[in-house]
Each structure stands twice: as C-alpha cells, then as structure tokens.
C-alpha atoms as a PDB file:
ATOM      1  CA  MET A   1      -0.294   0.009   0.096  1.00  0.00           C
ATOM      2  CA  GLU A   2       1.567   3.322  -1.128  1.00  0.00           C
ATOM      3  CA  GLN A   3       1.961   6.065   1.469  1.00  0.00           C
ATOM      4  CA  GLU A   4      -0.036   9.166   1.057  1.00  0.00           C
ATOM      5  CA  GLU A   5       2.118  11.917  -0.178  1.00  0.00           C
ATOM      6  CA  MET A   6       2.556  14.861   2.408  1.00  0.00           C
ATOM      7  CA  SER A   7       2.005  18.219   1.488  1.00  0.00           C
ATOM      8  CA  PHE A   8       4.628  21.327   2.365  1.00  0.00           C
ATOM      9  CA  TRP A   9       2.575  21.905   5.441  1.00  0.00           C
ATOM     10  CA  ASP A  10       2.564  18.363   6.775  1.00  0.00           C
ATOM     11  CA  HIS A  11       6.144  18.299   6.345  1.00  0.00           C
ATOM     12  CA  LEU A  12       6.458  21.667   8.351  1.00  0.00           C
ATOM     13  CA  GLU A  13       4.406  20.272  10.995  1.00  0.00           C
ATOM     14  CA  GLU A  14       6.258  17.072  11.220  1.00  0.00           C
ATOM     15  CA  LEU A  15       9.675  19.206  11.333  1.00  0.00           C
ATOM     16  CA  ARG A  16       8.046  21.425  14.281  1.00  0.00           C
ATOM     17  CA  TRP A  17       7.348  18.209  16.235  1.00  0.00           C
ATOM     18  CA  THR A  18      10.688  16.822  15.403  1.00  0.00           C
ATOM     19  CA  LEU A  19      12.445  19.928  16.714  1.00  0.00           C
ATOM     20  CA  PHE A  20       9.994  19.706  19.708  1.00  0.00           C
ATOM     21  CA  ARG A  21      10.882  16.444  20.930  1.00  0.00           C
ATOM     22  CA  SER A  22      14.691  16.810  20.314  1.00  0.00           C
ATOM     23  CA  ILE A  23      14.687  20.088  22.153  1.00  0.00           C
ATOM     24  CA  LEU A  24      12.612  18.290  24.985  1.00  0.00           C
ATOM     25  CA  ALA A  25      14.954  15.496  25.461  1.00  0.00           C
ATOM     26  CA  LEU A  26      17.795  17.842  25.613  1.00  0.00           C
ATOM     27  CA  PHE A  27      15.982  20.041  28.162  1.00  0.00           C
ATOM     28  CA  ILE A  28      15.181  16.952  30.304  1.00  0.00           C
ATOM     29  CA  PHE A  29      18.814  15.427  30.226  1.00  0.00           C
ATOM     30  CA  THR A  30      20.196  18.826  30.865  1.00  0.00           C
ATOM     31  CA  ILE A  31      18.180  19.023  33.951  1.00  0.00           C
ATOM     32  CA  ALA A  32      19.523  15.553  34.792  1.00  0.00           C
ATOM     33  CA  GLY A  33      22.828  16.417  34.038  1.00  0.00           C
ATOM     34  CA  PHE A  34      22.798  19.725  36.272  1.00  0.00           C
ATOM     35  CA  ALA A  35      21.839  17.596  39.291  1.00  0.00           C
ATOM     36  CA  VAL A  36      24.662  14.881  38.885  1.00  0.00           C
ATOM     37  CA  MET A  37      27.151  17.226  37.486  1.00  0.00           C
ATOM     38  CA  PRO A  38      29.046  17.883  40.794  1.00  0.00           C
ATOM     39  CA  TYR A  39      29.694  13.948  40.875  1.00  0.00           C
ATOM     40  CA  LEU A  40      30.716  13.877  37.134  1.00  0.00           C
ATOM     41  CA  PHE A  41      32.819  16.681  37.515  1.00  0.00           C
ATOM     42  CA  ASP A  42      34.850  15.169  40.488  1.00  0.00           C
ATOM     43  CA  ASN A  43      35.185  11.748  39.237  1.00  0.00           C
ATOM     44  CA  VAL A  44      34.926  12.009  35.136  1.00  0.00           C
ATOM     45  CA  VAL A  45      35.946  15.572  34.246  1.00  0.00           C
ATOM     46  CA  MET A  46      38.593  16.263  36.699  1.00  0.00           C
ATOM     47  CA  ALA A  47      39.804  12.469  36.634  1.00  0.00           C
ATOM     48  CA  PRO A  48      42.878  12.903  34.231  1.00  0.00           C
ATOM     49  CA  CYS A  49      44.341  15.688  36.499  1.00  0.00           C
ATOM     50  CA  ARG A  50      45.222  12.971  38.860  1.00  0.00           C
ATOM     51  CA  SER A  51      47.980  10.462  38.928  1.00  0.00           C
ATOM     52  CA  ASP A  52      45.491   7.372  39.422  1.00  0.00           C
ATOM     53  CA  PHE A  53      43.612   8.088  35.878  1.00  0.00           C
ATOM     54  CA  VAL A  54      43.246   4.714  34.253  1.00  0.00           C
ATOM     55  CA  LEU A  55      45.566   5.773  31.149  1.00  0.00           C
ATOM     56  CA  TYR A  56      48.262   6.789  33.307  1.00  0.00           C
ATOM     57  CA  LYS A  57      48.512   3.093  35.156  1.00  0.00           C
ATOM     58  CA  TYR A  58      48.298   1.273  32.074  1.00  0.00           C
ATOM     59  CA  MET A  59      51.162   3.404  30.768  1.00  0.00           C
ATOM     60  CA  CYS A  60      52.794   3.152  33.865  1.00  0.00           C
ATOM     61  CA  MET A  61      52.760  -0.499  33.379  1.00  0.00           C
ATOM     62  CA  ILE A  62      54.081  -0.270  29.734  1.00  0.00           C
ATOM     63  CA  SER A  63      56.819   2.109  30.681  1.00  0.00           C
ATOM     64  CA  SER A  64      58.190  -0.041  33.158  1.00  0.00           C
ATOM     65  CA  ARG A  65      58.873  -2.695  30.949  1.00  0.00           C
ATOM     66  CA  PHE A  66      60.048  -0.463  28.009  1.00  0.00           C
ATOM     67  CA  THR A  67      62.622   2.017  29.559  1.00  0.00           C
ATOM     68  CA  VAL A  68      62.506   3.838  26.038  1.00  0.00           C
ATOM     69  CA  LEU A  69      58.992   5.009  26.788  1.00  0.00           C
ATOM     70  CA  PRO A  70      58.041   8.103  28.728  1.00  0.00           C
ATOM     71  CA  ASP A  71      57.471   7.671  32.552  1.00  0.00           C
ATOM     72  CA  PHE A  72      54.029   7.627  33.833  1.00  0.00           C
ATOM     73  CA  CYS A  73      54.720   6.289  37.214  1.00  0.00           C
ATOM     74  CA  ASN A  74      54.785   9.412  38.834  1.00  0.00           C
ATOM     75  CA  GLU A  75      52.208   9.242  41.899  1.00  0.00           C
ATOM     76  CA  ASN A  76      52.884  12.855  42.633  1.00  0.00           C
ATOM     77  CA  PHE A  77      51.253  14.045  39.506  1.00  0.00           C
ATOM     78  CA  HIS A  78      48.354  16.392  39.988  1.00  0.00           C
ATOM     79  CA  VAL A  79      46.959  19.456  37.969  1.00  0.00           C
ATOM     80  CA  ASP A  80      45.289  22.021  40.144  1.00  0.00           C
ATOM     81  CA  ILE A  81      42.590  23.894  38.567  1.00  0.00           C
ATOM     82  CA  ILE A  82      41.912  27.499  39.729  1.00  0.00           C
ATOM     83  CA  ASN A  83      39.017  29.816  39.164  1.00  0.00           C
ATOM     84  CA  ILE A  84      39.683  33.589  38.447  1.00  0.00           C
ATOM     85  CA  LYS A  85      36.215  34.696  37.260  1.00  0.00           C
ATOM     86  CA  LEU A  86      33.316  35.329  39.741  1.00  0.00           C
ATOM     87  CA  ALA A  87      30.723  33.529  37.561  1.00  0.00           C
ATOM     88  CA  SER A  88      33.081  30.830  35.789  1.00  0.00           C
ATOM     89  CA  GLN A  89      31.878  27.936  38.407  1.00  0.00           C
ATOM     90  CA  PHE A  90      28.146  28.468  37.955  1.00  0.00           C
ATOM     91  CA  PHE A  91      28.391  28.914  34.092  1.00  0.00           C
ATOM     92  CA  THR A  92      30.739  25.468  33.659  1.00  0.00           C
ATOM     93  CA  HIS A  93      28.314  23.781  35.825  1.00  0.00           C
ATOM     94  CA  MET A  94      25.322  24.831  33.242  1.00  0.00           C
ATOM     95  CA  THR A  95      27.610  24.215  30.121  1.00  0.00           C
ATOM     96  CA  SER A  96      28.790  20.885  31.056  1.00  0.00           C
ATOM     97  CA  SER A  97      25.349  19.939  31.965  1.00  0.00           C
ATOM     98  CA  PHE A  98      24.251  20.731  28.293  1.00  0.00           C
ATOM     99  CA  TRP A  99      27.261  19.027  26.657  1.00  0.00           C
ATOM    100  CA  PHE A 100      26.394  15.893  28.861  1.00  0.00           C
ATOM    101  CA  ALA A 101      22.945  16.000  27.570  1.00  0.00           C
ATOM    102  CA  LEU A 102      23.926  16.254  24.072  1.00  0.00           C
ATOM    103  CA  LEU A 103      26.453  13.382  24.295  1.00  0.00           C
ATOM    104  CA  LEU A 104      23.599  11.073  25.845  1.00  0.00           C
ATOM    105  CA  THR A 105      20.957  12.135  23.456  1.00  0.00           C
ATOM    106  CA  PHE A 106      23.092  12.004  20.381  1.00  0.00           C
ATOM    107  CA  PRO A 107      21.601   8.726  19.476  1.00  0.00           C
ATOM    108  CA  TYR A 108      18.125   9.887  19.932  1.00  0.00           C
ATOM    109  CA  LEU A 109      18.504  12.950  17.847  1.00  0.00           C
ATOM    110  CA  VAL A 110      19.931  10.967  14.924  1.00  0.00           C
ATOM    111  CA  PHE A 111      17.059   8.655  15.284  1.00  0.00           C
ATOM    112  CA  GLU A 112      14.738  11.907  15.337  1.00  0.00           C
ATOM    113  CA  VAL A 113      16.535  13.104  12.315  1.00  0.00           C
ATOM    114  CA  TRP A 114      16.231   9.443  10.651  1.00  0.00           C
ATOM    115  CA  ARG A 115      12.283   9.399  11.345  1.00  0.00           C
ATOM    116  CA  PHE A 116      11.914  12.788   9.638  1.00  0.00           C
ATOM    117  CA  ILE A 117      13.852  12.001   6.256  1.00  0.00           C
ATOM    118  CA  SER A 118      12.831   8.369   5.980  1.00  0.00           C
ATOM    119  CA  PRO A 119       9.408   8.806   4.259  1.00  0.00           C
ATOM    120  CA  ALA A 120      11.301  10.419   1.348  1.00  0.00           C
ATOM    121  CA  LEU A 121      13.605   7.313   0.830  1.00  0.00           C
ATOM    122  CA  TYR A 122      12.931   4.288  -1.353  1.00  0.00           C
ATOM    123  CA  GLU A 123      13.136   1.162   0.754  1.00  0.00           C
ATOM    124  CA  ASN A 124      16.659   0.057  -0.552  1.00  0.00           C
ATOM    125  CA  GLU A 125      17.999   3.637   0.334  1.00  0.00           C
ATOM    126  CA  LYS A 126      16.161   3.211   3.967  1.00  0.00           C
ATOM    127  CA  LYS A 127      18.150  -0.096   4.397  1.00  0.00           C
ATOM    128  CA  ASN A 128      21.520   1.805   3.535  1.00  0.00           C
ATOM    129  CA  VAL A 129      20.902   4.902   5.262  1.00  0.00           C
ATOM    130  CA  ARG A 130      19.736   3.102   8.641  1.00  0.00           C
ATOM    131  CA  TRP A 131      23.155   1.284   8.549  1.00  0.00           C
ATOM    132  CA  VAL A 132      24.844   4.715   7.734  1.00  0.00           C
ATOM    133  CA  PHE A 133      23.220   6.415  10.790  1.00  0.00           C
ATOM    134  CA  LEU A 134      24.048   3.661  13.126  1.00  0.00           C
ATOM    135  CA  PHE A 135      27.501   3.261  11.933  1.00  0.00           C
ATOM    136  CA  GLY A 136      28.040   7.052  12.249  1.00  0.00           C
ATOM    137  CA  THR A 137      26.988   7.158  15.907  1.00  0.00           C
ATOM    138  CA  ILE A 138      28.868   4.284  16.937  1.00  0.00           C
ATOM    139  CA  MET A 139      32.015   5.994  15.277  1.00  0.00           C
ATOM    140  CA  PHE A 140      31.331   9.258  16.981  1.00  0.00           C
ATOM    141  CA  PHE A 141      31.009   7.775  20.532  1.00  0.00           C
ATOM    142  CA  VAL A 142      34.199   5.818  19.684  1.00  0.00           C
ATOM    143  CA  GLY A 143      36.112   9.091  18.704  1.00  0.00           C
ATOM    144  CA  CYS A 144      34.880  10.772  21.837  1.00  0.00           C
ATOM    145  CA  THR A 145      35.992   7.925  24.342  1.00  0.00           C
ATOM    146  CA  LEU A 146      39.197   7.945  22.608  1.00  0.00           C
ATOM    147  CA  GLY A 147      39.575  11.669  23.068  1.00  0.00           C
ATOM    148  CA  TYR A 148      38.761  11.125  26.619  1.00  0.00           C
ATOM    149  CA  LEU A 149      40.683   8.406  27.688  1.00  0.00           C
ATOM    150  CA  MET A 150      43.815   8.922  25.532  1.00  0.00           C
ATOM    151  CA  VAL A 151      44.111  12.422  23.662  1.00  0.00           C
ATOM    152  CA  PHE A 152      43.107  14.835  26.395  1.00  0.00           C
ATOM    153  CA  PRO A 153      44.996  13.061  29.200  1.00  0.00           C
ATOM    154  CA  LEU A 154      48.302  12.822  27.050  1.00  0.00           C
ATOM    155  CA  THR A 155      48.104  16.414  26.225  1.00  0.00           C
ATOM    156  CA  LEU A 156      47.167  17.814  29.538  1.00  0.00           C
ATOM    157  CA  ARG A 157      50.026  15.788  30.779  1.00  0.00           C
ATOM    158  CA  PHE A 158      52.401  17.147  28.811  1.00  0.00           C
ATOM    159  CA  LEU A 159      51.524  20.732  28.636  1.00  0.00           C
ATOM    160  CA  ALA A 160      50.666  21.036  32.568  1.00  0.00           C
ATOM    161  CA  THR A 161      54.206  19.521  33.425  1.00  0.00           C
ATOM    162  CA  TYR A 162      55.819  21.832  30.568  1.00  0.00           C
ATOM    163  CA  GLU A 163      58.381  24.271  31.678  1.00  0.00           C
ATOM    164  CA  LEU A 164      59.684  27.316  29.976  1.00  0.00           C
ATOM    165  CA  SER A 165      61.210  28.478  33.146  1.00  0.00           C
ATOM    166  CA  SER A 166      61.501  26.821  36.755  1.00  0.00           C
ATOM    167  CA  THR A 167      60.208  30.231  38.014  1.00  0.00           C
ATOM    168  CA  ILE A 168      57.155  30.155  36.070  1.00  0.00           C
ATOM    169  CA  ALA A 169      54.478  28.148  38.167  1.00  0.00           C
ATOM    170  CA  ASN A 170      51.802  26.683  36.053  1.00  0.00           C
ATOM    171  CA  GLN A 171      48.350  27.622  37.075  1.00  0.00           C
ATOM    172  CA  ILE A 172      45.604  26.382  34.970  1.00  0.00           C
ATOM    173  CA  SER A 173      42.239  28.285  35.088  1.00  0.00           C
ATOM    174  CA  LEU A 174      38.666  26.295  35.212  1.00  0.00           C
ATOM    175  CA  ASP A 175      37.891  28.044  31.510  1.00  0.00           C
ATOM    176  CA  SER A 176      40.990  26.816  29.891  1.00  0.00           C
ATOM    177  CA  TYR A 177      40.954  23.482  31.113  1.00  0.00           C
ATOM    178  CA  MET A 178      37.071  23.017  30.079  1.00  0.00           C
ATOM    179  CA  SER A 179      37.746  24.759  26.840  1.00  0.00           C
ATOM    180  CA  ASN A 180      40.721  22.206  25.855  1.00  0.00           C
ATOM    181  CA  PHE A 181      38.738  19.205  27.210  1.00  0.00           C
ATOM    182  CA  THR A 182      35.539  19.760  25.308  1.00  0.00           C
ATOM    183  CA  THR A 183      37.296  20.801  21.859  1.00  0.00           C
ATOM    184  CA  LEU A 184      39.800  17.772  22.030  1.00  0.00           C
ATOM    185  CA  ILE A 185      37.042  15.329  22.653  1.00  0.00           C
ATOM    186  CA  LEU A 186      34.536  17.094  20.276  1.00  0.00           C
ATOM    187  CA  ILE A 187      37.291  16.978  17.722  1.00  0.00           C
ATOM    188  CA  MET A 188      37.845  13.322  18.185  1.00  0.00           C
ATOM    189  CA  GLY A 189      34.306  12.606  17.647  1.00  0.00           C
ATOM    190  CA  LEU A 190      34.153  14.479  14.549  1.00  0.00           C
ATOM    191  CA  VAL A 191      37.389  13.060  13.174  1.00  0.00           C
ATOM    192  CA  PHE A 192      35.918   9.609  13.697  1.00  0.00           C
ATOM    193  CA  GLU A 193      33.127  10.547  11.136  1.00  0.00           C
ATOM    194  CA  LEU A 194      35.595  10.606   8.282  1.00  0.00           C
ATOM    195  CA  PRO A 195      34.518   7.038   6.763  1.00  0.00           C
ATOM    196  CA  LEU A 196      30.996   8.353   7.143  1.00  0.00           C
ATOM    197  CA  VAL A 197      31.825  11.489   5.065  1.00  0.00           C
ATOM    198  CA  SER A 198      33.907   9.660   2.590  1.00  0.00           C
ATOM    199  CA  TRP A 199      30.929   7.243   2.195  1.00  0.00           C
ATOM    200  CA  LEU A 200      28.249   9.957   1.408  1.00  0.00           C
ATOM    201  CA  LEU A 201      30.984  11.973  -0.829  1.00  0.00           C
ATOM    202  CA  SER A 202      31.447   8.440  -2.671  1.00  0.00           C
ATOM    203  CA  GLN A 203      27.726   8.173  -3.163  1.00  0.00           C
ATOM    204  CA  LEU A 204      27.590  11.297  -4.637  1.00  0.00           C
ATOM    205  CA  GLY A 205      30.271  10.682  -7.158  1.00  0.00           C
ATOM    206  CA  LEU A 206      32.674  12.955  -5.543  1.00  0.00           C
ATOM    207  CA  LEU A 207      35.183  10.790  -4.376  1.00  0.00           C
ATOM    208  CA  ASN A 208      36.467   7.329  -5.130  1.00  0.00           C
ATOM    209  CA  LYS A 209      39.490   4.810  -4.304  1.00  0.00           C
ATOM    210  CA  ARG A 210      41.479   6.406  -6.732  1.00  0.00           C
ATOM    211  CA  PHE A 211      41.937   9.648  -4.535  1.00  0.00           C
ATOM    212  CA  PHE A 212      43.021   7.698  -1.461  1.00  0.00           C
ATOM    213  CA  ARG A 213      45.603   5.829  -3.537  1.00  0.00           C
ATOM    214  CA  GLU A 214      47.105   8.922  -5.190  1.00  0.00           C
ATOM    215  CA  TYR A 215      47.146  10.969  -2.113  1.00  0.00           C
ATOM    216  CA  ARG A 216      48.164   8.344   0.566  1.00  0.00           C
ATOM    217  CA  ARG A 217      51.830   9.529   0.959  1.00  0.00           C
ATOM    218  CA  TYR A 218      50.611  13.179   1.442  1.00  0.00           C
ATOM    219  CA  ALA A 219      47.946  12.089   3.744  1.00  0.00           C
ATOM    220  CA  ILE A 220      50.106  10.279   5.954  1.00  0.00           C
ATOM    221  CA  VAL A 221      52.486  13.766   6.271  1.00  0.00           C
ATOM    222  CA  ILE A 222      49.368  15.484   7.221  1.00  0.00           C
ATOM    223  CA  LEU A 223      48.126  12.873   9.727  1.00  0.00           C
ATOM    224  CA  LEU A 224      51.640  12.858  11.386  1.00  0.00           C
ATOM    225  CA  THR A 225      51.174  16.830  11.460  1.00  0.00           C
ATOM    226  CA  ALA A 226      47.856  16.886  13.037  1.00  0.00           C
ATOM    227  CA  ALA A 227      48.963  14.222  15.622  1.00  0.00           C
ATOM    228  CA  ALA A 228      51.767  16.176  16.520  1.00  0.00           C
ATOM    229  CA  PHE A 229      49.508  18.843  16.757  1.00  0.00           C
ATOM    230  CA  ILE A 230      46.891  17.237  18.982  1.00  0.00           C
ATOM    231  CA  THR A 231      49.660  15.696  21.550  1.00  0.00           C
ATOM    232  CA  PRO A 232      52.679  18.149  21.185  1.00  0.00           C
ATOM    233  CA  SER A 233      55.109  16.156  23.270  1.00  0.00           C
ATOM    234  CA  GLY A 234      58.442  15.307  21.683  1.00  0.00           C
ATOM    235  CA  ASP A 235      58.359  11.387  22.281  1.00  0.00           C
ATOM    236  CA  PRO A 236      57.370   9.133  19.295  1.00  0.00           C
ATOM    237  CA  PHE A 237      55.537   6.918  21.398  1.00  0.00           C
ATOM    238  CA  THR A 238      52.860   9.513  22.314  1.00  0.00           C
ATOM    239  CA  LEU A 239      52.874  10.514  18.603  1.00  0.00           C
ATOM    240  CA  ALA A 240      52.307   7.018  17.485  1.00  0.00           C
ATOM    241  CA  VAL A 241      49.389   6.535  19.879  1.00  0.00           C
ATOM    242  CA  VAL A 242      47.644   9.556  18.388  1.00  0.00           C
ATOM    243  CA  PHE A 243      48.703   8.761  14.586  1.00  0.00           C
ATOM    244  CA  PHE A 244      47.839   5.405  14.072  1.00  0.00           C
ATOM    245  CA  PRO A 245      44.141   5.560  14.841  1.00  0.00           C
ATOM    246  CA  LEU A 246      44.114   8.662  12.564  1.00  0.00           C
ATOM    247  CA  TYR A 247      45.610   6.637   9.796  1.00  0.00           C
ATOM    248  CA  PHE A 248      43.291   3.744  10.333  1.00  0.00           C
ATOM    249  CA  LEU A 249      40.408   5.986   9.787  1.00  0.00           C
ATOM    250  CA  TYR A 250      41.827   6.983   6.466  1.00  0.00           C
ATOM    251  CA  GLU A 251      42.351   3.263   5.374  1.00  0.00           C
ATOM    252  CA  LEU A 252      38.723   2.589   6.653  1.00  0.00           C
ATOM    253  CA  SER A 253      37.399   5.706   4.612  1.00  0.00           C
ATOM    254  CA  ALA A 254      39.380   4.173   1.389  1.00  0.00           C
ATOM    255  CA  PHE A 255      37.159   1.019   2.189  1.00  0.00           C
ATOM    256  CA  PHE A 256      33.835   2.447   2.122  1.00  0.00           C
ATOM    257  CA  VAL A 257      34.246   4.716  -1.038  1.00  0.00           C
ATOM    258  CA  LYS A 258      33.505   3.083  -4.442  1.00  0.00           C
ATOM    259  CA  ASP A 259      36.019   1.941  -6.934  1.00  0.00           C
ATOM    260  CA  ALA A 260      37.405   4.681  -9.706  1.00  0.00           C
ATOM    261  CA  PRO A 261      35.084   4.535 -12.857  1.00  0.00           C
ATOM    262  CA  LYS A 262      36.369   1.961 -15.487  1.00  0.00           C
ATOM    263  CA  GLU A 263      37.667   4.733 -17.765  1.00  0.00           C
ATOM    264  CA  GLU A 264      39.918   6.351 -14.805  1.00  0.00           C
ATOM    265  CA  ASN A 265      41.336   3.134 -13.997  1.00  0.00           C
ATOM    266  CA  ASP A 266      42.480   2.435 -17.617  1.00  0.00           C
ATOM    267  CA  ASP A 267      44.150   5.655 -17.917  1.00  0.00           C
ATOM    268  CA  ASP A 268      46.067   4.650 -14.727  1.00  0.00           C
ATOM    269  CA  THR A 269      47.161   1.534 -16.497  1.00  0.00           C
ATOM    270  CA  LYS A 270      48.240   3.351 -19.371  1.00  0.00           C
ATOM    271  CA  GLU A 271      50.255   5.717 -17.453  1.00  0.00           C
ATOM    272  CA  VAL A 272      52.009   3.197 -15.314  1.00  0.00           C
ATOM    273  CA  ALA A 273      52.782   1.089 -18.972  1.00  0.00           C
ATOM    274  CA  THR A 274      53.914   4.415 -20.531  1.00  0.00           C
ATOM    275  CA  THR A 275      56.203   4.964 -17.263  1.00  0.00           C
END
C-alpha cells in the first residue's frame, strides 16, 4: 500500500514536532545532568588531573617494561585547577550539563533525523541509510571515548608539566581546562566521522578509491602533523598512539568508497605502462 504523499505544510508540521521532541529531550537530560554534574565533575571531568587516572596506570605498566618510553609512574602528578572569574563555576556547571545531555541524547537526535527523512526514501535507500546512521553514531562515540581516555590526558600531562622556566608556576584556569577538554573530545568525535563523510561523498560521485591511492603519501604527512599538533610531546610513542588511529580512519574511509570509474582505471594502467 503506497504511503500518501505529504504536503509542504505536513512536512513543516512534522519538522516542528521533530524539533520539539529533540529540544525536550535535551532539556530533560540537561536538568538531569545539572543534578549529577558535581559528582561527574569530580570523578570524570577532573579525573585526568590525578595520577590514578586509568590511562596513566596502563602507561606506567608499559613504561616500566620498556625504558625508552616516557615515565608515567609519577604518583605525585596532580594538576590544580583554579577559578579566576566570579561566575565561571556556575556557567561551567550549566554548559557541562548541556554537553553531557547532548552526548547522551545524540543517538536519539540521530533517530529523530532518521524518522524525519525516511518517508522520502525508497526501501533500498532506507536500508543503507539506517546502517549509515548507526555506524556514524558508533564512530562518534568511539572518537569521543578515545579523546577522553587518550588524547586529552596525554595533551594535559605534557602541557601541565612543561616548563619554559623554573621560576614560572603553571596555574591552569577552569575556563582554559574546560575549553581544551570539550574541544579535543569533540574534535576526536568528529574526526571519527571521516569514513561516513567519505561514503556520502562517494555516493554523490565526488570521491573514489583513486583519490586515496594517489594522496596516501600526502595524507600520512598531514596525519603525522595533526597528531603532533594534538599531542605536542616530543616522544615518538605518544605521537604513534594518536597517529595510528587517524591513519586507520584514512584506510577505513578508503574501504567504504566506490572504485574509480572504469575509464579512470584504464588511464592509470596506460600511465603505468608508459612509465
């Protein structure tokens, strides 16, 4: 039985209810996040500031066996966060609650987007897009988790212990800490959407496997630079910890895109033969 075609006003009404449900979910989870945020702040947000953070324990076990690696066994490591603005703690409480709500409701928001656009798709398109949304959601959470457990702590530990001069004491403000915390985690979540973006561009005919083959060497240099920027420590181990997941994303993106058109492959073969 064919579905009745919706008018412009029907689409507008459906969009209004989609936005309403999404905003309501965000509002409810923001209120809940506001209630539990003091506990989450002490045990989750501020956890990388202490020497007993889970990453530091594992890194300590590894570095104790391989002396060439940086020492993560310093039990005296601690980062003191200070507040220098009168209203910073209150606004940080509110903004952290919102980001917490956005993170928790992200799958539901994706579902609302899917429910809104699905009536306009054919059955075969629905099947593909359903898996795309699911894959994109999982990859976003994987990226955020990696950002929290690995990228941010490594960056924090390096920058918080870096000394230009022994006469300068590092005093990290709450605003600076939260800005780096949310930015790095969000960036890693978005970076892990690279395979999804590549797939979408491939479906539009704007990207194929030939691009990834031709620019692989340049991509390695760019990814190494990005890894060095994200974790500015000088040791190769920390650089490799960030680089290899990024390079894995590059190869995973190449796997999801379509092959180059036949005529382009023929041109490549001719160029190789001529060379």
